[in-house]
C-alpha atoms as a PDB file:
ATOM      1  CA  UNK A   1      11.883  11.136 -13.278  1.00  0.00           C
ATOM      2  CA  UNK A   2      12.228   7.720 -11.645  1.00  0.00           C
ATOM      3  CA  UNK A   3      11.014   4.599 -13.432  1.00  0.00           C
ATOM      4  CA  UNK A   4       7.412   4.013 -12.372  1.00  0.00           C
ATOM      5  CA  UNK A   5       7.679   0.203 -12.330  1.00  0.00           C
ATOM      6  CA  UNK A   6       9.825  -1.376  -9.594  1.00  0.00           C
ATOM      7  CA  UNK A   7      10.456  -5.125  -9.802  1.00  0.00           C
ATOM      8  CA  UNK A   8      10.998  -7.435  -6.843  1.00  0.00           C
ATOM      9  CA  UNK A   9      14.395  -9.087  -6.679  1.00  0.00           C
ATOM     10  CA  UNK A  10      16.256 -11.890  -4.940  1.00  0.00           C
ATOM     11  CA  UNK A  11      16.191 -11.603  -1.114  1.00  0.00           C
ATOM     12  CA  UNK A  12      19.267  -9.909   0.330  1.00  0.00           C
ATOM     13  CA  UNK A  13      20.880 -10.875   3.643  1.00  0.00           C
ATOM     14  CA  UNK A  14      17.905  -9.408   5.549  1.00  0.00           C
ATOM     15  CA  UNK A  15      15.293 -10.942   3.264  1.00  0.00           C
ATOM     16  CA  UNK A  16      14.542  -7.664   1.493  1.00  0.00           C
ATOM     17  CA  UNK A  17      13.181  -8.164  -2.027  1.00  0.00           C
ATOM     18  CA  UNK A  18      11.971  -4.646  -2.850  1.00  0.00           C
ATOM     19  CA  UNK A  19      12.811  -1.143  -1.646  1.00  0.00           C
ATOM     20  CA  UNK A  20      11.491   2.304  -2.515  1.00  0.00           C
ATOM     21  CA  UNK A  21      12.972   5.352  -0.810  1.00  0.00           C
ATOM     22  CA  UNK A  22      12.182   9.039  -1.281  1.00  0.00           C
ATOM     23  CA  UNK A  23      15.583   9.314  -2.949  1.00  0.00           C
ATOM     24  CA  UNK A  24      14.997   6.473  -5.420  1.00  0.00           C
ATOM     25  CA  UNK A  25      11.456   7.664  -6.191  1.00  0.00           C
ATOM     26  CA  UNK A  26      12.398  11.321  -6.537  1.00  0.00           C
ATOM     27  CA  UNK A  27       9.864  12.516  -3.998  1.00  0.00           C
ATOM     28  CA  UNK A  28       9.678  13.504  -0.323  1.00  0.00           C
ATOM     29  CA  UNK A  29       7.396  11.344   1.782  1.00  0.00           C
ATOM     30  CA  UNK A  30       6.736   7.666   0.987  1.00  0.00           C
ATOM     31  CA  UNK A  31       9.165   4.831   1.689  1.00  0.00           C
ATOM     32  CA  UNK A  32       8.345   1.159   1.159  1.00  0.00           C
ATOM     33  CA  UNK A  33      10.129  -2.155   1.775  1.00  0.00           C
ATOM     34  CA  UNK A  34       9.121  -5.793   1.295  1.00  0.00           C
ATOM     35  CA  UNK A  35      10.796  -8.618   3.222  1.00  0.00           C
ATOM     36  CA  UNK A  36      10.431 -12.357   2.655  1.00  0.00           C
ATOM     37  CA  UNK A  37      11.447 -14.002   5.936  1.00  0.00           C
ATOM     38  CA  UNK A  38      11.851 -17.650   6.890  1.00  0.00           C
ATOM     39  CA  UNK A  39      10.709 -19.057  10.219  1.00  0.00           C
ATOM     40  CA  UNK A  40      13.142 -17.892  12.898  1.00  0.00           C
ATOM     41  CA  UNK A  41      14.421 -14.863  10.980  1.00  0.00           C
ATOM     42  CA  UNK A  42      14.487 -11.554  12.866  1.00  0.00           C
ATOM     43  CA  UNK A  43      14.242  -8.112  11.273  1.00  0.00           C
ATOM     44  CA  UNK A  44      15.443  -5.148  13.332  1.00  0.00           C
ATOM     45  CA  UNK A  45      15.036  -1.475  12.499  1.00  0.00           C
ATOM     46  CA  UNK A  46      15.208   1.941  14.168  1.00  0.00           C
ATOM     47  CA  UNK A  47      12.571   4.348  12.934  1.00  0.00           C
ATOM     48  CA  UNK A  48      14.660   7.493  13.581  1.00  0.00           C
ATOM     49  CA  UNK A  49      12.800  10.448  12.007  1.00  0.00           C
ATOM     50  CA  UNK A  50      10.159   8.272  10.335  1.00  0.00           C
ATOM     51  CA  UNK A  51       6.955   6.570  11.380  1.00  0.00           C
ATOM     52  CA  UNK A  52       6.341   3.021  10.172  1.00  0.00           C
ATOM     53  CA  UNK A  53       3.388   0.764   9.529  1.00  0.00           C
ATOM     54  CA  UNK A  54       4.378  -2.908   9.509  1.00  0.00           C
ATOM     55  CA  UNK A  55       1.883  -5.000   7.547  1.00  0.00           C
ATOM     56  CA  UNK A  56       2.048  -8.778   7.920  1.00  0.00           C
ATOM     57  CA  UNK A  57       0.931  -9.678   4.424  1.00  0.00           C
ATOM     58  CA  UNK A  58       1.323 -13.372   5.224  1.00  0.00           C
ATOM     59  CA  UNK A  59       2.583 -15.406   8.168  1.00  0.00           C
ATOM     60  CA  UNK A  60       2.922 -14.927  11.924  1.00  0.00           C
ATOM     61  CA  UNK A  61       5.389 -13.000  14.073  1.00  0.00           C
ATOM     62  CA  UNK A  62       6.345 -11.639  17.454  1.00  0.00           C
ATOM     63  CA  UNK A  63       6.838  -7.868  17.204  1.00  0.00           C
ATOM     64  CA  UNK A  64       8.650  -5.774  19.817  1.00  0.00           C
ATOM     65  CA  UNK A  65       9.039  -2.013  19.982  1.00  0.00           C
ATOM     66  CA  UNK A  66      10.901  -0.020  22.636  1.00  0.00           C
ATOM     67  CA  UNK A  67       7.863   0.006  24.937  1.00  0.00           C
ATOM     68  CA  UNK A  68       5.419  -2.562  23.557  1.00  0.00           C
ATOM     69  CA  UNK A  69       5.275  -6.282  22.793  1.00  0.00           C
ATOM     70  CA  UNK A  70       2.827  -7.909  20.396  1.00  0.00           C
ATOM     71  CA  UNK A  71       3.291 -11.695  20.570  1.00  0.00           C
ATOM     72  CA  UNK A  72       2.061 -14.302  18.090  1.00  0.00           C
ATOM     73  CA  UNK A  73       0.289 -11.954  15.699  1.00  0.00           C
ATOM     74  CA  UNK A  74      -0.751 -12.838  12.181  1.00  0.00           C
ATOM     75  CA  UNK A  75      -3.331 -15.208  10.773  1.00  0.00           C
ATOM     76  CA  UNK A  76      -3.381 -14.868   7.008  1.00  0.00           C
ATOM     77  CA  UNK A  77      -1.171 -17.229   5.011  1.00  0.00           C
ATOM     78  CA  UNK A  78      -2.150 -15.855   1.605  1.00  0.00           C
ATOM     79  CA  UNK A  79      -3.235 -12.330   0.636  1.00  0.00           C
ATOM     80  CA  UNK A  80      -6.109 -13.842  -1.367  1.00  0.00           C
ATOM     81  CA  UNK A  81      -7.767 -15.458   1.676  1.00  0.00           C
ATOM     82  CA  UNK A  82     -10.239 -12.568   1.882  1.00  0.00           C
ATOM     83  CA  UNK A  83      -9.412 -11.453   5.437  1.00  0.00           C
ATOM     84  CA  UNK A  84      -7.568  -8.329   6.681  1.00  0.00           C
ATOM     85  CA  UNK A  85      -3.978  -8.515   7.928  1.00  0.00           C
ATOM     86  CA  UNK A  86      -2.400  -7.766  11.281  1.00  0.00           C
ATOM     87  CA  UNK A  87      -0.362  -4.550  11.290  1.00  0.00           C
ATOM     88  CA  UNK A  88       1.729  -2.597  13.799  1.00  0.00           C
ATOM     89  CA  UNK A  89       2.154   1.170  13.907  1.00  0.00           C
ATOM     90  CA  UNK A  90       5.598   2.289  15.132  1.00  0.00           C
ATOM     91  CA  UNK A  91       6.237   6.008  15.764  1.00  0.00           C
ATOM     92  CA  UNK A  92       9.315   8.033  14.902  1.00  0.00           C
ATOM     93  CA  UNK A  93      12.099   7.820  17.477  1.00  0.00           C
ATOM     94  CA  UNK A  94      11.284   4.179  18.236  1.00  0.00           C
ATOM     95  CA  UNK A  95      12.595   0.806  17.092  1.00  0.00           C
ATOM     96  CA  UNK A  96      11.109  -2.574  16.263  1.00  0.00           C
ATOM     97  CA  UNK A  97      12.062  -6.216  16.070  1.00  0.00           C
ATOM     98  CA  UNK A  98       9.947  -8.672  14.069  1.00  0.00           C
ATOM     99  CA  UNK A  99      10.613 -12.374  14.667  1.00  0.00           C
ATOM    100  CA  UNK A 100       9.063 -14.679  12.065  1.00  0.00           C
ATOM    101  CA  UNK A 101       7.157 -17.555  13.703  1.00  0.00           C
ATOM    102  CA  UNK A 102       6.377 -18.969  10.250  1.00  0.00           C
ATOM    103  CA  UNK A 103       7.554 -18.112   6.777  1.00  0.00           C
ATOM    104  CA  UNK A 104       6.376 -14.547   6.360  1.00  0.00           C
ATOM    105  CA  UNK A 105       6.016 -11.675   3.910  1.00  0.00           C
ATOM    106  CA  UNK A 106       6.375  -8.407   5.808  1.00  0.00           C
ATOM    107  CA  UNK A 107       5.933  -4.911   4.417  1.00  0.00           C
ATOM    108  CA  UNK A 108       7.380  -1.785   6.044  1.00  0.00           C
ATOM    109  CA  UNK A 109       5.654   1.480   5.076  1.00  0.00           C
ATOM    110  CA  UNK A 110       7.540   4.675   5.967  1.00  0.00           C
ATOM    111  CA  UNK A 111       7.051   8.432   6.096  1.00  0.00           C
ATOM    112  CA  UNK A 112       8.754  11.361   7.867  1.00  0.00           C
ATOM    113  CA  UNK A 113       7.220  12.111  11.269  1.00  0.00           C
ATOM    114  CA  UNK A 114       7.852  13.797  14.612  1.00  0.00           C
ATOM    115  CA  UNK A 115       7.111  10.911  16.992  1.00  0.00           C
ATOM    116  CA  UNK A 116       3.980  12.282  18.660  1.00  0.00           C
ATOM    117  CA  UNK A 117       2.147   8.930  18.899  1.00  0.00           C
ATOM    118  CA  UNK A 118       2.647   5.545  20.569  1.00  0.00           C
ATOM    119  CA  UNK A 119       3.215   2.119  19.072  1.00  0.00           C
ATOM    120  CA  UNK A 120       0.052   0.073  18.701  1.00  0.00           C
ATOM    121  CA  UNK A 121      -1.323  -3.105  17.209  1.00  0.00           C
ATOM    122  CA  UNK A 122      -3.853  -2.861  14.366  1.00  0.00           C
ATOM    123  CA  UNK A 123      -5.683  -6.214  14.484  1.00  0.00           C
ATOM    124  CA  UNK A 124      -7.944  -7.439  11.654  1.00  0.00           C
ATOM    125  CA  UNK A 125     -11.094  -6.555  13.595  1.00  0.00           C
ATOM    126  CA  UNK A 126     -10.027  -2.886  13.569  1.00  0.00           C
ATOM    127  CA  UNK A 127      -9.696  -2.846   9.773  1.00  0.00           C
ATOM    128  CA  UNK A 128     -12.851  -1.513   8.118  1.00  0.00           C
ATOM    129  CA  UNK A 129     -13.843  -3.613   5.094  1.00  0.00           C
ATOM    130  CA  UNK A 130     -16.067  -2.116   2.401  1.00  0.00           C
ATOM    131  CA  UNK A 131     -17.131  -2.743  -1.172  1.00  0.00           C
ATOM    132  CA  UNK A 132     -16.577   0.048  -3.662  1.00  0.00           C
ATOM    133  CA  UNK A 133     -17.933   0.472  -7.175  1.00  0.00           C
ATOM    134  CA  UNK A 134     -20.430  -1.751  -8.957  1.00  0.00           C
ATOM    135  CA  UNK A 135     -20.423  -4.323 -11.730  1.00  0.00           C
ATOM    136  CA  UNK A 136     -16.936  -4.732 -13.194  1.00  0.00           C
ATOM    137  CA  UNK A 137     -15.762  -1.733 -11.137  1.00  0.00           C
ATOM    138  CA  UNK A 138     -16.518  -3.451  -7.808  1.00  0.00           C
ATOM    139  CA  UNK A 139     -13.627  -4.317  -5.478  1.00  0.00           C
ATOM    140  CA  UNK A 140     -13.010  -4.842  -1.754  1.00  0.00           C
ATOM    141  CA  UNK A 141     -11.278  -2.162   0.329  1.00  0.00           C
ATOM    142  CA  UNK A 142      -9.529  -2.902   3.645  1.00  0.00           C
ATOM    143  CA  UNK A 143      -8.546   0.297   5.450  1.00  0.00           C
ATOM    144  CA  UNK A 144      -5.505  -0.576   7.562  1.00  0.00           C
ATOM    145  CA  UNK A 145      -4.448   2.969   8.456  1.00  0.00           C
ATOM    146  CA  UNK A 146      -7.250   5.242   7.231  1.00  0.00           C
ATOM    147  CA  UNK A 147      -7.591   8.982   7.576  1.00  0.00           C
ATOM    148  CA  UNK A 148      -9.418   8.619  10.896  1.00  0.00           C
ATOM    149  CA  UNK A 149      -6.711   6.232  12.191  1.00  0.00           C
ATOM    150  CA  UNK A 150      -3.897   7.621  14.314  1.00  0.00           C
ATOM    151  CA  UNK A 151      -0.764   8.434  12.304  1.00  0.00           C
ATOM    152  CA  UNK A 152       1.157  11.582  11.440  1.00  0.00           C
ATOM    153  CA  UNK A 153       1.347  11.191   7.655  1.00  0.00           C
ATOM    154  CA  UNK A 154       0.843   7.583   6.553  1.00  0.00           C
ATOM    155  CA  UNK A 155      -2.317   6.271   4.919  1.00  0.00           C
ATOM    156  CA  UNK A 156      -2.329   2.506   4.250  1.00  0.00           C
ATOM    157  CA  UNK A 157      -5.033   0.474   2.506  1.00  0.00           C
ATOM    158  CA  UNK A 158      -5.253  -2.825   0.663  1.00  0.00           C
ATOM    159  CA  UNK A 159      -7.549  -3.585  -2.259  1.00  0.00           C
ATOM    160  CA  UNK A 160      -8.739  -6.921  -3.654  1.00  0.00           C
ATOM    161  CA  UNK A 161      -9.878  -6.713  -7.274  1.00  0.00           C
ATOM    162  CA  UNK A 162     -11.727  -9.709  -8.762  1.00  0.00           C
ATOM    163  CA  UNK A 163     -10.643 -11.137 -12.096  1.00  0.00           C
ATOM    164  CA  UNK A 164     -12.040  -9.109 -14.979  1.00  0.00           C
ATOM    165  CA  UNK A 165     -12.623  -6.003 -12.844  1.00  0.00           C
ATOM    166  CA  UNK A 166     -11.105  -2.520 -12.647  1.00  0.00           C
ATOM    167  CA  UNK A 167     -10.068  -0.593  -9.542  1.00  0.00           C
ATOM    168  CA  UNK A 168      -8.834   2.901  -8.716  1.00  0.00           C
ATOM    169  CA  UNK A 169     -11.536   3.497 -11.299  1.00  0.00           C
ATOM    170  CA  UNK A 170     -13.090   5.725 -12.536  1.00  0.00           C
ATOM    171  CA  UNK A 171      -9.647   7.362 -12.625  1.00  0.00           C
ATOM    172  CA  UNK A 172      -8.714   9.878  -9.944  1.00  0.00           C
ATOM    173  CA  UNK A 173      -5.633  11.813  -8.858  1.00  0.00           C
ATOM    174  CA  UNK A 174      -4.308  13.584  -5.754  1.00  0.00           C
ATOM    175  CA  UNK A 175      -1.231  15.516  -6.869  1.00  0.00           C
ATOM    176  CA  UNK A 176      -2.085  19.121  -5.997  1.00  0.00           C
ATOM    177  CA  UNK A 177      -2.422  20.782  -2.593  1.00  0.00           C
ATOM    178  CA  UNK A 178      -5.697  22.620  -3.126  1.00  0.00           C
ATOM    179  CA  UNK A 179      -7.752  21.844  -0.037  1.00  0.00           C
ATOM    180  CA  UNK A 180     -10.581  21.181   0.419  1.00  0.00           C
ATOM    181  CA  UNK A 181     -10.770  20.123  -3.237  1.00  0.00           C
ATOM    182  CA  UNK A 182      -7.619  18.040  -3.638  1.00  0.00           C
ATOM    183  CA  UNK A 183      -4.660  16.929  -1.527  1.00  0.00           C
ATOM    184  CA  UNK A 184      -1.083  16.157  -2.493  1.00  0.00           C
ATOM    185  CA  UNK A 185      -0.274  12.518  -1.753  1.00  0.00           C
ATOM    186  CA  UNK A 186       2.558  10.419  -3.118  1.00  0.00           C
ATOM    187  CA  UNK A 187       1.498   6.806  -3.566  1.00  0.00           C
ATOM    188  CA  UNK A 188       2.897   3.326  -4.104  1.00  0.00           C
ATOM    189  CA  UNK A 189       1.065   0.218  -5.283  1.00  0.00           C
ATOM    190  CA  UNK A 190       2.441  -3.212  -4.332  1.00  0.00           C
ATOM    191  CA  UNK A 191       0.813  -5.885  -6.484  1.00  0.00           C
ATOM    192  CA  UNK A 192       0.204  -9.590  -5.992  1.00  0.00           C
ATOM    193  CA  UNK A 193      -1.451 -11.683  -8.705  1.00  0.00           C
ATOM    194  CA  UNK A 194      -3.404 -14.949  -8.405  1.00  0.00           C
ATOM    195  CA  UNK A 195      -2.423 -17.242 -10.098  1.00  0.00           C
ATOM    196  CA  UNK A 196       1.110 -15.930  -9.756  1.00  0.00           C
ATOM    197  CA  UNK A 197       2.060 -16.343 -13.415  1.00  0.00           C
ATOM    198  CA  UNK A 198      -0.551 -13.758 -14.424  1.00  0.00           C
ATOM    199  CA  UNK A 199      -0.367  -9.997 -14.762  1.00  0.00           C
ATOM    200  CA  UNK A 200      -2.267  -6.758 -14.235  1.00  0.00           C
ATOM    201  CA  UNK A 201      -2.260  -3.505 -16.178  1.00  0.00           C
ATOM    202  CA  UNK A 202      -1.871  -0.123 -14.500  1.00  0.00           C
ATOM    203  CA  UNK A 203      -1.983   3.150 -16.380  1.00  0.00           C
ATOM    204  CA  UNK A 204      -0.421   6.308 -14.895  1.00  0.00           C
ATOM    205  CA  UNK A 205      -1.203   9.511 -16.784  1.00  0.00           C
ATOM    206  CA  UNK A 206      -1.584  13.254 -16.301  1.00  0.00           C
ATOM    207  CA  UNK A 207      -3.975  15.743 -17.883  1.00  0.00           C
ATOM    208  CA  UNK A 208      -1.223  17.143 -20.109  1.00  0.00           C
ATOM    209  CA  UNK A 209       0.110  13.627 -20.852  1.00  0.00           C
ATOM    210  CA  UNK A 210       3.585  14.558 -19.625  1.00  0.00           C
ATOM    211  CA  UNK A 211       3.207  11.147 -17.994  1.00  0.00           C
ATOM    212  CA  UNK A 212       1.233   8.533 -19.914  1.00  0.00           C
ATOM    213  CA  UNK A 213       2.405   4.984 -19.257  1.00  0.00           C
ATOM    214  CA  UNK A 214       0.588   1.659 -19.412  1.00  0.00           C
ATOM    215  CA  UNK A 215       2.530  -0.738 -17.194  1.00  0.00           C
ATOM    216  CA  UNK A 216       2.411  -4.538 -17.348  1.00  0.00           C
ATOM    217  CA  UNK A 217       2.560  -5.523 -13.696  1.00  0.00           C
ATOM    218  CA  UNK A 218       3.688  -8.953 -12.533  1.00  0.00           C
ATOM    219  CA  UNK A 219       3.314 -10.652  -9.169  1.00  0.00           C
ATOM    220  CA  UNK A 220       5.471  -8.794  -6.624  1.00  0.00           C
ATOM    221  CA  UNK A 221       5.922  -5.603  -8.646  1.00  0.00           C
ATOM    222  CA  UNK A 222       5.412  -2.095  -7.287  1.00  0.00           C
ATOM    223  CA  UNK A 223       4.245   1.014  -9.135  1.00  0.00           C
ATOM    224  CA  UNK A 224       5.108   4.609  -8.224  1.00  0.00           C
ATOM    225  CA  UNK A 225       2.437   7.278  -8.601  1.00  0.00           C
ATOM    226  CA  UNK A 226       4.204  10.643  -8.262  1.00  0.00           C
ATOM    227  CA  UNK A 227       1.267  12.418  -9.910  1.00  0.00           C
ATOM    228  CA  UNK A 228      -1.653  11.824 -12.210  1.00  0.00           C
ATOM    229  CA  UNK A 229      -4.438   9.286 -12.561  1.00  0.00           C
ATOM    230  CA  UNK A 230      -3.644   5.619 -11.898  1.00  0.00           C
ATOM    231  CA  UNK A 231      -6.360   3.020 -12.712  1.00  0.00           C
ATOM    232  CA  UNK A 232      -5.732  -0.739 -12.455  1.00  0.00           C
ATOM    233  CA  UNK A 233      -7.159  -3.553 -14.579  1.00  0.00           C
ATOM    234  CA  UNK A 234      -7.331  -7.206 -13.481  1.00  0.00           C
ATOM    235  CA  UNK A 235      -7.515  -9.415 -16.604  1.00  0.00           C
ATOM    236  CA  UNK A 236     -10.070 -12.236 -16.751  1.00  0.00           C
ATOM    237  CA  UNK A 237      -8.709 -15.261 -14.907  1.00  0.00           C
ATOM    238  CA  UNK A 238      -6.435 -13.313 -12.536  1.00  0.00           C
ATOM    239  CA  UNK A 239      -7.287 -11.801  -9.158  1.00  0.00           C
ATOM    240  CA  UNK A 240      -5.260  -8.719  -8.283  1.00  0.00           C
ATOM    241  CA  UNK A 241      -4.311  -7.636  -4.764  1.00  0.00           C
ATOM    242  CA  UNK A 242      -2.479  -4.412  -4.048  1.00  0.00           C
ATOM    243  CA  UNK A 243      -1.294  -2.559  -0.977  1.00  0.00           C
ATOM    244  CA  UNK A 244      -1.425   1.237  -1.234  1.00  0.00           C
ATOM    245  CA  UNK A 245       0.790   3.549   0.796  1.00  0.00           C
ATOM    246  CA  UNK A 246       0.157   7.299   0.638  1.00  0.00           C
ATOM    247  CA  UNK A 247       1.715  10.275   2.411  1.00  0.00           C
ATOM    248  CA  UNK A 248       2.043  13.999   1.879  1.00  0.00           C
ATOM    249  CA  UNK A 249       2.229  17.352   3.669  1.00  0.00           C
ATOM    250  CA  UNK A 250      -1.370  17.109   4.935  1.00  0.00           C
ATOM    251  CA  UNK A 251      -2.833  13.777   6.033  1.00  0.00           C
ATOM    252  CA  UNK A 252      -6.101  13.788   4.126  1.00  0.00           C
ATOM    253  CA  UNK A 253      -7.293  11.973   0.991  1.00  0.00           C
ATOM    254  CA  UNK A 254      -9.028  14.469  -1.276  1.00  0.00           C
ATOM    255  CA  UNK A 255      -9.038  13.412  -4.909  1.00  0.00           C
ATOM    256  CA  UNK A 256      -9.958  14.850  -8.285  1.00  0.00           C
ATOM    257  CA  UNK A 257     -11.700  12.674 -10.857  1.00  0.00           C
ATOM    258  CA  UNK A 258     -10.734  12.623 -14.519  1.00  0.00           C
ATOM    259  CA  UNK A 259     -13.503  14.748 -16.095  1.00  0.00           C
ATOM    260  CA  UNK A 260     -13.505  12.580 -19.224  1.00  0.00           C
ATOM    261  CA  UNK A 261     -14.706   9.600 -17.181  1.00  0.00           C
ATOM    262  CA  UNK A 262     -16.907  11.198 -14.527  1.00  0.00           C
ATOM    263  CA  UNK A 263     -20.018  10.076 -16.396  1.00  0.00           C
ATOM    264  CA  UNK A 264     -19.327   6.596 -15.015  1.00  0.00           C
ATOM    265  CA  UNK A 265     -20.373   7.798 -11.559  1.00  0.00           C
ATOM    266  CA  UNK A 266     -23.895   8.157 -12.887  1.00  0.00           C
ATOM    267  CA  UNK A 267     -23.855   4.369 -13.286  1.00  0.00           C
ATOM    268  CA  UNK A 268     -22.846   3.835  -9.658  1.00  0.00           C
ATOM    269  CA  UNK A 269     -19.061   3.830  -9.936  1.00  0.00           C
ATOM    270  CA  UNK A 270     -16.853   5.231  -7.204  1.00  0.00           C
ATOM    271  CA  UNK A 271     -13.113   5.766  -7.320  1.00  0.00           C
END
């Protein structure tokens, strides 16, 4: 099994600081890349047999695809500003070019696809923002590419967890294709911490404890969730942001709660 914790590194010649592929993760669907680009840098990619969701975590860009042009997009300069990002959906069989108009952190989310859709812009006003949970389980959800959004496999969402709070909690999982009760979805978490010298804690565990890891997550780290429950804790003093990417054989999010912690829902919690 692949290591569940993936650290960011030094930018390569393209500005890539982190990469997760189906091969490196030991699964089938989710791919994930993070690029740190300077003003004037250009990132070019062909999607081939994959669809992509480009998320401008910070900064501004011009984005071209084979048949579409999205000029001067982006507004957020820090993921902790409390506003949704600009994103671009690019179908399989297409290509894209992202030109950084400012220093920029760009994420590319990938999954196998057939190319049945068209490229489109996902502006902040199209991102549904909701609160989930209550008390120290409350966090903010920004649905970039939700189940009702057009894509073949990808689901993309970002979560802002206040200091001292928990998220992806009470614990849930989605590692078994048993519709309508549960869907099989691979998942990545890309974490940012504020202040940046802080940390978060993410536990990944299964019912039989064949996986049971408590991971100390630093700013810029990613966590793989091949199966099992996966709650996140933001320590007092440190806000935690994460970007989730999910994909599987059926594009629906049906989860199963850990029975040992379901009593928390009686107090108003929601996973």
